[in-house]
Amino acid sequence: MLSFILWALLLAHAIPIKCQNPLQQKLNVIILAGQSNMAGRGGVANNSAGVPTWDGVVPPQCQPNPSIFRLSADLAWVQAREPLHADIDVTKTNGIGPGMSFANAMLTKDPSFGAVGLVPCAIGGTNVSEWQKGNFLYEQLVKRAQMAVQSGGGYRAMLWFQGESDTLNQEDAELYKGRLKSFFNDLRSDLKEPSLPIFQVALASGTGPYVEEVREAQFGIGLKNVKTIDARGLPLEPDGLHLTAQAQVTLGEKLAHEFLRFKPSPLSSNDAAINFPYFLIIAQLFTSVWMIFSFR
């Protein structure tokens, strides 16, 4: 009888088995998500045949570092190197993004920070509606993020740079704030990180006439632990849309600076009540008690 009781209690509070971490160290997991400027188009230009080509130039601030890893498309940790999204944003030509300069700046400014695990998820040309819960991009992001921590790591932040595609028509621009809030809230809930720090980049450019409306939504997001970093004024490639390689370096360093000075706001009692699954604990306790007395 005692062994059954112990079994029932263990079953009610079972902990999922985690994957082994081949790196044998705990990684500071940083999610990289959004569209082309997060995936990186620095150094990408059309060649004489009109085909987008990366020039292959890697700035010193983006060089590989033995303490910086990347989660590959097949969910393996490998040493990070540019272009970070080469096997993720596979239908586009990728170049320099902000991820590597962010990670290198973090380790330079805070040598005690520890190993960084970058999780590239950005896809060029995507609308924020495509990042809503239930859609492919959202589910892939969650899957990759969960695998990153299961193999030995802890979430530290998400870097988010997206919105250029939502400047094309008025309806997308008007709905942007609500959709962005839903995305951030759903992601935090599914990752079980209600206070996950999110560093979003306010647009430097756009593909349509509603850039200001989207920027206003970004600055007015109004969620705790969401910090907005402005990219306006950073140099653009000749296409007038994508940040240059040097601009991406600057952006990554700005993101690192904000990360290190950022002080997450504590959840209020109301926030905690909404995000913490007390009902699951109660349900587990009722299940355990019922099973114990049912088999007496």
C-alpha atoms as a PDB file:
ATOM      1  CA  MET A   1       0.000   0.000   0.000  1.00  0.00           C
ATOM      2  CA  LEU A   2       2.812   2.397   0.924  1.00  0.00           C
ATOM      3  CA  SER A   3       4.611   1.709  -2.342  1.00  0.00           C
ATOM      4  CA  PHE A   4       1.401   2.459  -4.274  1.00  0.00           C
ATOM      5  CA  ILE A   5       0.964   5.770  -2.444  1.00  0.00           C
ATOM      6  CA  LEU A   6       4.527   6.756  -3.276  1.00  0.00           C
ATOM      7  CA  TRP A   7       3.980   5.754  -6.899  1.00  0.00           C
ATOM      8  CA  ALA A   8       0.798   7.827  -7.106  1.00  0.00           C
ATOM      9  CA  LEU A   9       2.472  10.899  -5.646  1.00  0.00           C
ATOM     10  CA  LEU A  10       5.444  10.553  -7.984  1.00  0.00           C
ATOM     11  CA  LEU A  11       3.099  10.163 -10.940  1.00  0.00           C
ATOM     12  CA  ALA A  12       1.232  13.331  -9.995  1.00  0.00           C
ATOM     13  CA  HIS A  13       4.438  15.342  -9.785  1.00  0.00           C
ATOM     14  CA  ALA A  14       6.370  13.653 -12.584  1.00  0.00           C
ATOM     15  CA  ILE A  15       9.189  15.667 -14.140  1.00  0.00           C
ATOM     16  CA  PRO A  16       9.784  15.301 -17.914  1.00  0.00           C
ATOM     17  CA  ILE A  17      13.043  13.646 -18.889  1.00  0.00           C
ATOM     18  CA  LYS A  18      15.443  16.129 -20.467  1.00  0.00           C
ATOM     19  CA  CYS A  19      17.763  15.539 -23.391  1.00  0.00           C
ATOM     20  CA  GLN A  20      21.478  15.265 -22.713  1.00  0.00           C
ATOM     21  CA  ASN A  21      23.561  18.320 -23.401  1.00  0.00           C
ATOM     22  CA  PRO A  22      26.609  17.217 -25.417  1.00  0.00           C
ATOM     23  CA  LEU A  23      28.348  20.501 -24.552  1.00  0.00           C
ATOM     24  CA  GLN A  24      28.350  19.629 -20.849  1.00  0.00           C
ATOM     25  CA  GLN A  25      27.654  23.206 -19.828  1.00  0.00           C
ATOM     26  CA  LYS A  26      24.626  25.333 -19.100  1.00  0.00           C
ATOM     27  CA  LEU A  27      23.872  27.735 -21.922  1.00  0.00           C
ATOM     28  CA  ASN A  28      22.346  31.201 -21.686  1.00  0.00           C
ATOM     29  CA  VAL A  29      19.656  30.761 -24.332  1.00  0.00           C
ATOM     30  CA  ILE A  30      18.888  33.770 -26.538  1.00  0.00           C
ATOM     31  CA  ILE A  31      16.060  33.418 -29.073  1.00  0.00           C
ATOM     32  CA  LEU A  32      16.478  35.336 -32.345  1.00  0.00           C
ATOM     33  CA  ALA A  33      13.159  35.873 -34.133  1.00  0.00           C
ATOM     34  CA  GLY A  34      11.429  38.142 -36.614  1.00  0.00           C
ATOM     35  CA  GLN A  35      12.017  38.742 -40.308  1.00  0.00           C
ATOM     36  CA  SER A  36      14.879  39.612 -42.654  1.00  0.00           C
ATOM     37  CA  ASN A  37      16.690  42.228 -40.586  1.00  0.00           C
ATOM     38  CA  MET A  38      16.966  39.732 -37.728  1.00  0.00           C
ATOM     39  CA  ALA A  39      17.927  36.887 -40.052  1.00  0.00           C
ATOM     40  CA  GLY A  40      20.559  39.259 -41.448  1.00  0.00           C
ATOM     41  CA  ARG A  41      21.025  40.855 -44.845  1.00  0.00           C
ATOM     42  CA  GLY A  42      24.161  42.821 -44.017  1.00  0.00           C
ATOM     43  CA  GLY A  43      26.589  42.511 -46.924  1.00  0.00           C
ATOM     44  CA  VAL A  44      23.953  41.079 -49.264  1.00  0.00           C
ATOM     45  CA  ALA A  45      23.520  42.755 -52.651  1.00  0.00           C
ATOM     46  CA  ASN A  46      22.484  41.796 -56.166  1.00  0.00           C
ATOM     47  CA  ASN A  47      25.318  40.651 -58.397  1.00  0.00           C
ATOM     48  CA  SER A  48      25.638  41.527 -62.091  1.00  0.00           C
ATOM     49  CA  ALA A  49      22.975  38.936 -62.894  1.00  0.00           C
ATOM     50  CA  GLY A  50      20.573  40.446 -60.373  1.00  0.00           C
ATOM     51  CA  VAL A  51      20.937  37.534 -57.940  1.00  0.00           C
ATOM     52  CA  PRO A  52      21.271  38.387 -54.213  1.00  0.00           C
ATOM     53  CA  THR A  53      24.753  37.403 -53.024  1.00  0.00           C
ATOM     54  CA  TRP A  54      26.499  37.751 -49.667  1.00  0.00           C
ATOM     55  CA  ASP A  55      29.958  39.286 -49.912  1.00  0.00           C
ATOM     56  CA  GLY A  56      31.296  36.900 -47.247  1.00  0.00           C
ATOM     57  CA  VAL A  57      32.838  39.686 -45.155  1.00  0.00           C
ATOM     58  CA  VAL A  58      32.550  38.990 -41.425  1.00  0.00           C
ATOM     59  CA  PRO A  59      33.240  42.028 -39.199  1.00  0.00           C
ATOM     60  CA  PRO A  60      35.611  41.465 -36.247  1.00  0.00           C
ATOM     61  CA  GLN A  61      32.694  41.842 -33.817  1.00  0.00           C
ATOM     62  CA  CYS A  62      30.921  38.902 -35.498  1.00  0.00           C
ATOM     63  CA  GLN A  63      33.772  36.399 -35.542  1.00  0.00           C
ATOM     64  CA  PRO A  64      33.239  32.929 -34.000  1.00  0.00           C
ATOM     65  CA  ASN A  65      33.850  32.587 -30.279  1.00  0.00           C
ATOM     66  CA  PRO A  66      34.369  29.258 -28.454  1.00  0.00           C
ATOM     67  CA  SER A  67      31.725  30.344 -25.929  1.00  0.00           C
ATOM     68  CA  ILE A  68      29.006  31.092 -28.501  1.00  0.00           C
ATOM     69  CA  PHE A  69      26.868  28.270 -29.879  1.00  0.00           C
ATOM     70  CA  ARG A  70      23.966  28.078 -32.317  1.00  0.00           C
ATOM     71  CA  LEU A  71      21.044  25.660 -32.459  1.00  0.00           C
ATOM     72  CA  SER A  72      21.097  24.304 -36.009  1.00  0.00           C
ATOM     73  CA  ALA A  73      18.050  23.461 -38.122  1.00  0.00           C
ATOM     74  CA  ASP A  74      18.387  19.808 -37.093  1.00  0.00           C
ATOM     75  CA  LEU A  75      18.387  20.797 -33.397  1.00  0.00           C
ATOM     76  CA  ALA A  76      22.083  20.273 -32.693  1.00  0.00           C
ATOM     77  CA  TRP A  77      24.356  22.699 -30.855  1.00  0.00           C
ATOM     78  CA  VAL A  78      27.240  23.819 -33.074  1.00  0.00           C
ATOM     79  CA  GLN A  79      29.748  26.638 -32.842  1.00  0.00           C
ATOM     80  CA  ALA A  80      28.042  29.806 -34.022  1.00  0.00           C
ATOM     81  CA  ARG A  81      29.279  31.549 -37.134  1.00  0.00           C
ATOM     82  CA  GLU A  82      27.828  33.890 -39.734  1.00  0.00           C
ATOM     83  CA  PRO A  83      25.390  33.710 -41.377  1.00  0.00           C
ATOM     84  CA  LEU A  84      23.493  32.490 -38.313  1.00  0.00           C
ATOM     85  CA  HIS A  85      20.272  31.863 -40.265  1.00  0.00           C
ATOM     86  CA  ALA A  86      21.803  30.100 -43.281  1.00  0.00           C
ATOM     87  CA  ASP A  87      19.961  26.831 -42.551  1.00  0.00           C
ATOM     88  CA  ILE A  88      16.808  28.496 -41.166  1.00  0.00           C
ATOM     89  CA  ASP A  89      15.807  31.225 -43.639  1.00  0.00           C
ATOM     90  CA  VAL A  90      16.644  28.850 -46.469  1.00  0.00           C
ATOM     91  CA  THR A  91      14.747  30.506 -49.331  1.00  0.00           C
ATOM     92  CA  LYS A  92      16.685  33.767 -48.947  1.00  0.00           C
ATOM     93  CA  THR A  93      20.315  34.866 -49.079  1.00  0.00           C
ATOM     94  CA  ASN A  94      21.526  35.524 -45.546  1.00  0.00           C
ATOM     95  CA  GLY A  95      24.353  37.744 -44.408  1.00  0.00           C
ATOM     96  CA  ILE A  96      25.219  39.586 -41.216  1.00  0.00           C
ATOM     97  CA  GLY A  97      22.541  40.039 -38.532  1.00  0.00           C
ATOM     98  CA  PRO A  98      22.693  41.365 -34.951  1.00  0.00           C
ATOM     99  CA  GLY A  99      23.028  38.004 -33.173  1.00  0.00           C
ATOM    100  CA  MET A 100      26.782  37.441 -33.244  1.00  0.00           C
ATOM    101  CA  SER A 101      27.746  41.012 -32.381  1.00  0.00           C
ATOM    102  CA  PHE A 102      25.221  40.864 -29.513  1.00  0.00           C
ATOM    103  CA  ALA A 103      26.722  37.658 -28.127  1.00  0.00           C
ATOM    104  CA  ASN A 104      30.336  38.811 -28.520  1.00  0.00           C
ATOM    105  CA  ALA A 105      29.537  42.146 -26.881  1.00  0.00           C
ATOM    106  CA  MET A 106      27.855  40.336 -23.990  1.00  0.00           C
ATOM    107  CA  LEU A 107      30.947  38.233 -23.337  1.00  0.00           C
ATOM    108  CA  THR A 108      33.251  41.250 -23.695  1.00  0.00           C
ATOM    109  CA  LYS A 109      31.247  43.414 -21.314  1.00  0.00           C
ATOM    110  CA  ASP A 110      30.538  40.610 -18.837  1.00  0.00           C
ATOM    111  CA  PRO A 111      33.147  37.800 -19.036  1.00  0.00           C
ATOM    112  CA  SER A 112      31.332  35.977 -16.216  1.00  0.00           C
ATOM    113  CA  PHE A 113      28.113  35.715 -18.235  1.00  0.00           C
ATOM    114  CA  GLY A 114      28.894  32.189 -19.416  1.00  0.00           C
ATOM    115  CA  ALA A 115      28.346  30.362 -22.686  1.00  0.00           C
ATOM    116  CA  VAL A 116      25.708  31.760 -25.039  1.00  0.00           C
ATOM    117  CA  GLY A 117      23.269  29.570 -26.955  1.00  0.00           C
ATOM    118  CA  LEU A 118      21.692  31.406 -29.893  1.00  0.00           C
ATOM    119  CA  VAL A 119      18.435  29.991 -31.288  1.00  0.00           C
ATOM    120  CA  PRO A 120      17.859  31.412 -34.796  1.00  0.00           C
ATOM    121  CA  CYS A 121      14.171  31.447 -35.827  1.00  0.00           C
ATOM    122  CA  ALA A 122      13.762  34.488 -38.098  1.00  0.00           C
ATOM    123  CA  ILE A 123      12.240  34.204 -41.572  1.00  0.00           C
ATOM    124  CA  GLY A 124      12.410  37.030 -44.101  1.00  0.00           C
ATOM    125  CA  GLY A 125       9.285  38.684 -45.447  1.00  0.00           C
ATOM    126  CA  THR A 126       6.953  37.468 -42.698  1.00  0.00           C
ATOM    127  CA  ASN A 127       3.943  39.304 -41.314  1.00  0.00           C
ATOM    128  CA  VAL A 128       3.268  39.339 -37.560  1.00  0.00           C
ATOM    129  CA  SER A 129       0.041  37.417 -38.259  1.00  0.00           C
ATOM    130  CA  GLU A 130       2.246  34.486 -39.322  1.00  0.00           C
ATOM    131  CA  TRP A 131       3.779  34.449 -35.829  1.00  0.00           C
ATOM    132  CA  GLN A 132       0.469  33.906 -34.051  1.00  0.00           C
ATOM    133  CA  LYS A 133      -0.042  30.788 -31.939  1.00  0.00           C
ATOM    134  CA  GLY A 134      -1.056  27.774 -34.019  1.00  0.00           C
ATOM    135  CA  ASN A 135       0.796  28.938 -37.132  1.00  0.00           C
ATOM    136  CA  PHE A 136       3.879  27.134 -38.404  1.00  0.00           C
ATOM    137  CA  LEU A 137       6.425  29.826 -37.536  1.00  0.00           C
ATOM    138  CA  TYR A 138       5.133  30.126 -33.983  1.00  0.00           C
ATOM    139  CA  GLU A 139       5.112  26.376 -33.377  1.00  0.00           C
ATOM    140  CA  GLN A 140       8.611  25.988 -34.814  1.00  0.00           C
ATOM    141  CA  LEU A 141       9.902  28.781 -32.584  1.00  0.00           C
ATOM    142  CA  VAL A 142       8.412  27.129 -29.495  1.00  0.00           C
ATOM    143  CA  LYS A 143       9.773  23.716 -30.491  1.00  0.00           C
ATOM    144  CA  ARG A 144      13.295  25.031 -31.054  1.00  0.00           C
ATOM    145  CA  ALA A 145      13.265  27.119 -27.872  1.00  0.00           C
ATOM    146  CA  GLN A 146      12.064  24.177 -25.778  1.00  0.00           C
ATOM    147  CA  MET A 147      14.706  21.887 -27.254  1.00  0.00           C
ATOM    148  CA  ALA A 148      17.366  24.481 -26.476  1.00  0.00           C
ATOM    149  CA  VAL A 149      16.649  24.399 -22.741  1.00  0.00           C
ATOM    150  CA  GLN A 150      15.946  20.648 -22.636  1.00  0.00           C
ATOM    151  CA  SER A 151      19.469  20.028 -23.847  1.00  0.00           C
ATOM    152  CA  GLY A 152      20.914  22.105 -21.048  1.00  0.00           C
ATOM    153  CA  GLY A 153      20.186  25.801 -20.781  1.00  0.00           C
ATOM    154  CA  GLY A 154      18.006  28.551 -19.425  1.00  0.00           C
ATOM    155  CA  TYR A 155      16.062  31.264 -21.227  1.00  0.00           C
ATOM    156  CA  ARG A 156      17.650  34.672 -20.889  1.00  0.00           C
ATOM    157  CA  ALA A 157      15.858  36.730 -23.550  1.00  0.00           C
ATOM    158  CA  MET A 158      14.302  36.940 -26.991  1.00  0.00           C
ATOM    159  CA  LEU A 159      15.597  39.450 -29.528  1.00  0.00           C
ATOM    160  CA  TRP A 160      12.761  40.389 -31.908  1.00  0.00           C
ATOM    161  CA  PHE A 161      13.082  42.461 -35.099  1.00  0.00           C
ATOM    162  CA  GLN A 162       9.986  42.396 -37.300  1.00  0.00           C
ATOM    163  CA  GLY A 163       7.310  44.640 -38.730  1.00  0.00           C
ATOM    164  CA  GLU A 164       8.526  45.806 -42.131  1.00  0.00           C
ATOM    165  CA  SER A 165       5.960  43.569 -43.861  1.00  0.00           C
ATOM    166  CA  ASP A 166       3.143  45.003 -41.724  1.00  0.00           C
ATOM    167  CA  THR A 167       3.684  48.486 -43.165  1.00  0.00           C
ATOM    168  CA  LEU A 168       2.166  47.525 -46.522  1.00  0.00           C
ATOM    169  CA  ASN A 169      -1.513  47.962 -45.720  1.00  0.00           C
ATOM    170  CA  GLN A 170      -3.515  49.913 -43.188  1.00  0.00           C
ATOM    171  CA  GLU A 171      -5.333  46.956 -41.638  1.00  0.00           C
ATOM    172  CA  ASP A 172      -2.098  45.138 -40.751  1.00  0.00           C
ATOM    173  CA  ALA A 173      -0.659  48.334 -39.290  1.00  0.00           C
ATOM    174  CA  GLU A 174      -3.771  48.968 -37.184  1.00  0.00           C
ATOM    175  CA  LEU A 175      -3.853  45.380 -35.898  1.00  0.00           C
ATOM    176  CA  TYR A 176      -0.121  45.217 -35.269  1.00  0.00           C
ATOM    177  CA  LYS A 177      -0.108  46.098 -31.572  1.00  0.00           C
ATOM    178  CA  GLY A 178      -2.792  43.570 -30.659  1.00  0.00           C
ATOM    179  CA  ARG A 179      -1.182  40.809 -32.675  1.00  0.00           C
ATOM    180  CA  LEU A 180       2.247  41.549 -31.225  1.00  0.00           C
ATOM    181  CA  LYS A 181       0.883  41.458 -27.677  1.00  0.00           C
ATOM    182  CA  SER A 182      -0.819  38.130 -28.337  1.00  0.00           C
ATOM    183  CA  PHE A 183       2.399  36.694 -29.744  1.00  0.00           C
ATOM    184  CA  PHE A 184       4.517  37.815 -26.786  1.00  0.00           C
ATOM    185  CA  ASN A 185       1.953  36.649 -24.211  1.00  0.00           C
ATOM    186  CA  ASP A 186       1.381  33.265 -25.864  1.00  0.00           C
ATOM    187  CA  LEU A 187       5.103  32.647 -26.225  1.00  0.00           C
ATOM    188  CA  ARG A 188       5.811  33.446 -22.590  1.00  0.00           C
ATOM    189  CA  SER A 189       2.959  31.147 -21.550  1.00  0.00           C
ATOM    190  CA  ASP A 190       4.052  28.234 -23.743  1.00  0.00           C
ATOM    191  CA  LEU A 191       7.681  28.543 -22.646  1.00  0.00           C
ATOM    192  CA  LYS A 192       6.514  28.807 -19.014  1.00  0.00           C
ATOM    193  CA  GLU A 193       8.473  32.047 -18.682  1.00  0.00           C
ATOM    194  CA  PRO A 194       5.879  34.728 -17.808  1.00  0.00           C
ATOM    195  CA  SER A 195       8.552  37.388 -17.281  1.00  0.00           C
ATOM    196  CA  LEU A 196      10.830  36.449 -20.213  1.00  0.00           C
ATOM    197  CA  PRO A 197      12.753  39.609 -21.202  1.00  0.00           C
ATOM    198  CA  ILE A 198      11.984  40.607 -24.787  1.00  0.00           C
ATOM    199  CA  PHE A 199      14.100  43.158 -26.632  1.00  0.00           C
ATOM    200  CA  GLN A 200      12.270  44.317 -29.725  1.00  0.00           C
ATOM    201  CA  VAL A 201      13.765  46.555 -32.378  1.00  0.00           C
ATOM    202  CA  ALA A 202      11.710  49.487 -33.631  1.00  0.00           C
ATOM    203  CA  LEU A 203      11.717  49.710 -37.412  1.00  0.00           C
ATOM    204  CA  ALA A 204      14.454  51.495 -39.290  1.00  0.00           C
ATOM    205  CA  SER A 205      12.587  51.030 -42.574  1.00  0.00           C
ATOM    206  CA  GLY A 206       9.541  49.419 -44.135  1.00  0.00           C
ATOM    207  CA  THR A 207       8.103  48.085 -47.362  1.00  0.00           C
ATOM    208  CA  GLY A 208       4.957  50.231 -47.297  1.00  0.00           C
ATOM    209  CA  PRO A 209       3.505  53.602 -46.273  1.00  0.00           C
ATOM    210  CA  TYR A 210       2.564  52.695 -42.681  1.00  0.00           C
ATOM    211  CA  VAL A 211       6.004  52.634 -41.029  1.00  0.00           C
ATOM    212  CA  GLU A 212       5.069  55.263 -38.460  1.00  0.00           C
ATOM    213  CA  GLU A 213       1.925  53.387 -37.426  1.00  0.00           C
ATOM    214  CA  VAL A 214       3.903  50.199 -36.805  1.00  0.00           C
ATOM    215  CA  ARG A 215       6.634  52.070 -34.937  1.00  0.00           C
ATOM    216  CA  GLU A 216       3.991  53.703 -32.745  1.00  0.00           C
ATOM    217  CA  ALA A 217       2.598  50.259 -31.937  1.00  0.00           C
ATOM    218  CA  GLN A 218       6.071  48.976 -31.078  1.00  0.00           C
ATOM    219  CA  PHE A 219       6.819  51.815 -28.698  1.00  0.00           C
ATOM    220  CA  GLY A 220       3.342  51.560 -27.175  1.00  0.00           C
ATOM    221  CA  ILE A 221       3.345  47.809 -26.573  1.00  0.00           C
ATOM    222  CA  GLY A 222       2.821  48.318 -22.823  1.00  0.00           C
ATOM    223  CA  LEU A 223       3.982  44.879 -21.619  1.00  0.00           C
ATOM    224  CA  LYS A 224       6.277  44.265 -18.665  1.00  0.00           C
ATOM    225  CA  ASN A 225       9.850  43.291 -19.420  1.00  0.00           C
ATOM    226  CA  VAL A 226       9.590  44.328 -23.067  1.00  0.00           C
ATOM    227  CA  LYS A 227      12.282  46.827 -24.031  1.00  0.00           C
ATOM    228  CA  THR A 228      12.202  48.650 -27.374  1.00  0.00           C
ATOM    229  CA  ILE A 229      15.478  49.627 -29.054  1.00  0.00           C
ATOM    230  CA  ASP A 230      15.247  52.082 -31.945  1.00  0.00           C
ATOM    231  CA  ALA A 231      17.035  51.173 -35.183  1.00  0.00           C
ATOM    232  CA  ARG A 232      16.058  54.376 -36.992  1.00  0.00           C
ATOM    233  CA  GLY A 233      19.067  56.221 -38.334  1.00  0.00           C
ATOM    234  CA  LEU A 234      21.259  53.145 -38.760  1.00  0.00           C
ATOM    235  CA  PRO A 235      22.744  52.828 -42.278  1.00  0.00           C
ATOM    236  CA  LEU A 236      20.784  50.807 -44.833  1.00  0.00           C
ATOM    237  CA  GLU A 237      21.857  48.721 -47.804  1.00  0.00           C
ATOM    238  CA  PRO A 238      21.151  50.212 -51.268  1.00  0.00           C
ATOM    239  CA  ASP A 239      17.739  48.511 -51.231  1.00  0.00           C
ATOM    240  CA  GLY A 240      16.669  51.030 -48.569  1.00  0.00           C
ATOM    241  CA  LEU A 241      15.203  48.246 -46.431  1.00  0.00           C
ATOM    242  CA  HIS A 242      17.956  46.166 -44.842  1.00  0.00           C
ATOM    243  CA  LEU A 243      20.618  47.237 -42.372  1.00  0.00           C
ATOM    244  CA  THR A 244      24.224  47.159 -43.540  1.00  0.00           C
ATOM    245  CA  ALA A 245      26.693  44.789 -41.892  1.00  0.00           C
ATOM    246  CA  GLN A 246      28.168  47.609 -39.807  1.00  0.00           C
ATOM    247  CA  ALA A 247      24.693  48.762 -38.812  1.00  0.00           C
ATOM    248  CA  GLN A 248      23.931  45.230 -37.642  1.00  0.00           C
ATOM    249  CA  VAL A 249      27.103  45.271 -35.553  1.00  0.00           C
ATOM    250  CA  THR A 250      25.980  48.536 -33.955  1.00  0.00           C
ATOM    251  CA  LEU A 251      22.493  47.164 -33.350  1.00  0.00           C
ATOM    252  CA  GLY A 252      23.826  43.993 -31.720  1.00  0.00           C
ATOM    253  CA  GLU A 253      26.010  46.060 -29.405  1.00  0.00           C
ATOM    254  CA  LYS A 254      23.056  48.325 -28.523  1.00  0.00           C
ATOM    255  CA  LEU A 255      20.975  45.255 -27.699  1.00  0.00           C
ATOM    256  CA  ALA A 256      23.765  43.892 -25.483  1.00  0.00           C
ATOM    257  CA  HIS A 257      24.048  47.231 -23.691  1.00  0.00           C
ATOM    258  CA  GLU A 258      20.306  47.299 -23.016  1.00  0.00           C
ATOM    259  CA  PHE A 259      20.323  43.670 -21.904  1.00  0.00           C
ATOM    260  CA  LEU A 260      23.039  44.286 -19.315  1.00  0.00           C
ATOM    261  CA  ARG A 261      21.356  47.379 -17.873  1.00  0.00           C
ATOM    262  CA  PHE A 262      17.829  45.946 -18.000  1.00  0.00           C
ATOM    263  CA  LYS A 263      16.165  45.218 -14.670  1.00  0.00           C
ATOM    264  CA  PRO A 264      13.138  42.921 -15.152  1.00  0.00           C
ATOM    265  CA  SER A 265       9.963  44.136 -13.435  1.00  0.00           C
ATOM    266  CA  PRO A 266       8.523  41.700 -10.876  1.00  0.00           C
ATOM    267  CA  LEU A 267       5.143  40.188 -11.684  1.00  0.00           C
ATOM    268  CA  SER A 268       2.210  41.631  -9.772  1.00  0.00           C
ATOM    269  CA  SER A 269       0.009  39.339  -7.717  1.00  0.00           C
ATOM    270  CA  ASN A 270      -2.560  39.467 -10.518  1.00  0.00           C
ATOM    271  CA  ASP A 271       0.046  38.546 -13.112  1.00  0.00           C
ATOM    272  CA  ALA A 272       1.232  35.659 -10.978  1.00  0.00           C
ATOM    273  CA  ALA A 273      -2.298  34.421 -10.476  1.00  0.00           C
ATOM    274  CA  ILE A 274      -2.870  34.397 -14.220  1.00  0.00           C
ATOM    275  CA  ASN A 275       0.445  32.858 -15.210  1.00  0.00           C
ATOM    276  CA  PHE A 276       1.087  30.392 -12.385  1.00  0.00           C
ATOM    277  CA  PRO A 277      -0.885  27.154 -12.873  1.00  0.00           C
ATOM    278  CA  TYR A 278      -2.265  26.738  -9.357  1.00  0.00           C
ATOM    279  CA  PHE A 279      -5.189  24.808 -10.783  1.00  0.00           C
ATOM    280  CA  LEU A 280      -2.792  22.086 -11.944  1.00  0.00           C
ATOM    281  CA  ILE A 281      -1.399  21.627  -8.446  1.00  0.00           C
ATOM    282  CA  ILE A 282      -4.901  21.417  -6.981  1.00  0.00           C
ATOM    283  CA  ALA A 283      -5.946  18.929  -9.647  1.00  0.00           C
ATOM    284  CA  GLN A 284      -2.880  16.794  -8.965  1.00  0.00           C
ATOM    285  CA  LEU A 285      -3.569  16.771  -5.234  1.00  0.00           C
ATOM    286  CA  PHE A 286      -7.210  15.755  -5.749  1.00  0.00           C
ATOM    287  CA  THR A 287      -6.093  12.999  -8.148  1.00  0.00           C
ATOM    288  CA  SER A 288      -3.547  11.664  -5.665  1.00  0.00           C
ATOM    289  CA  VAL A 289      -6.014  11.644  -2.752  1.00  0.00           C
ATOM    290  CA  TRP A 290      -8.729   9.972  -4.857  1.00  0.00           C
ATOM    291  CA  MET A 291      -6.371   7.253  -6.047  1.00  0.00           C
ATOM    292  CA  ILE A 292      -5.132   6.566  -2.497  1.00  0.00           C
ATOM    293  CA  PHE A 293      -8.604   6.159  -1.029  1.00  0.00           C
ATOM    294  CA  SER A 294      -9.990   4.283  -4.042  1.00  0.00           C
ATOM    295  CA  PHE A 295      -7.540   1.437  -3.581  1.00  0.00           C
ATOM    296  CA  ARG A 296      -7.733   1.139   0.205  1.00  0.00           C
END
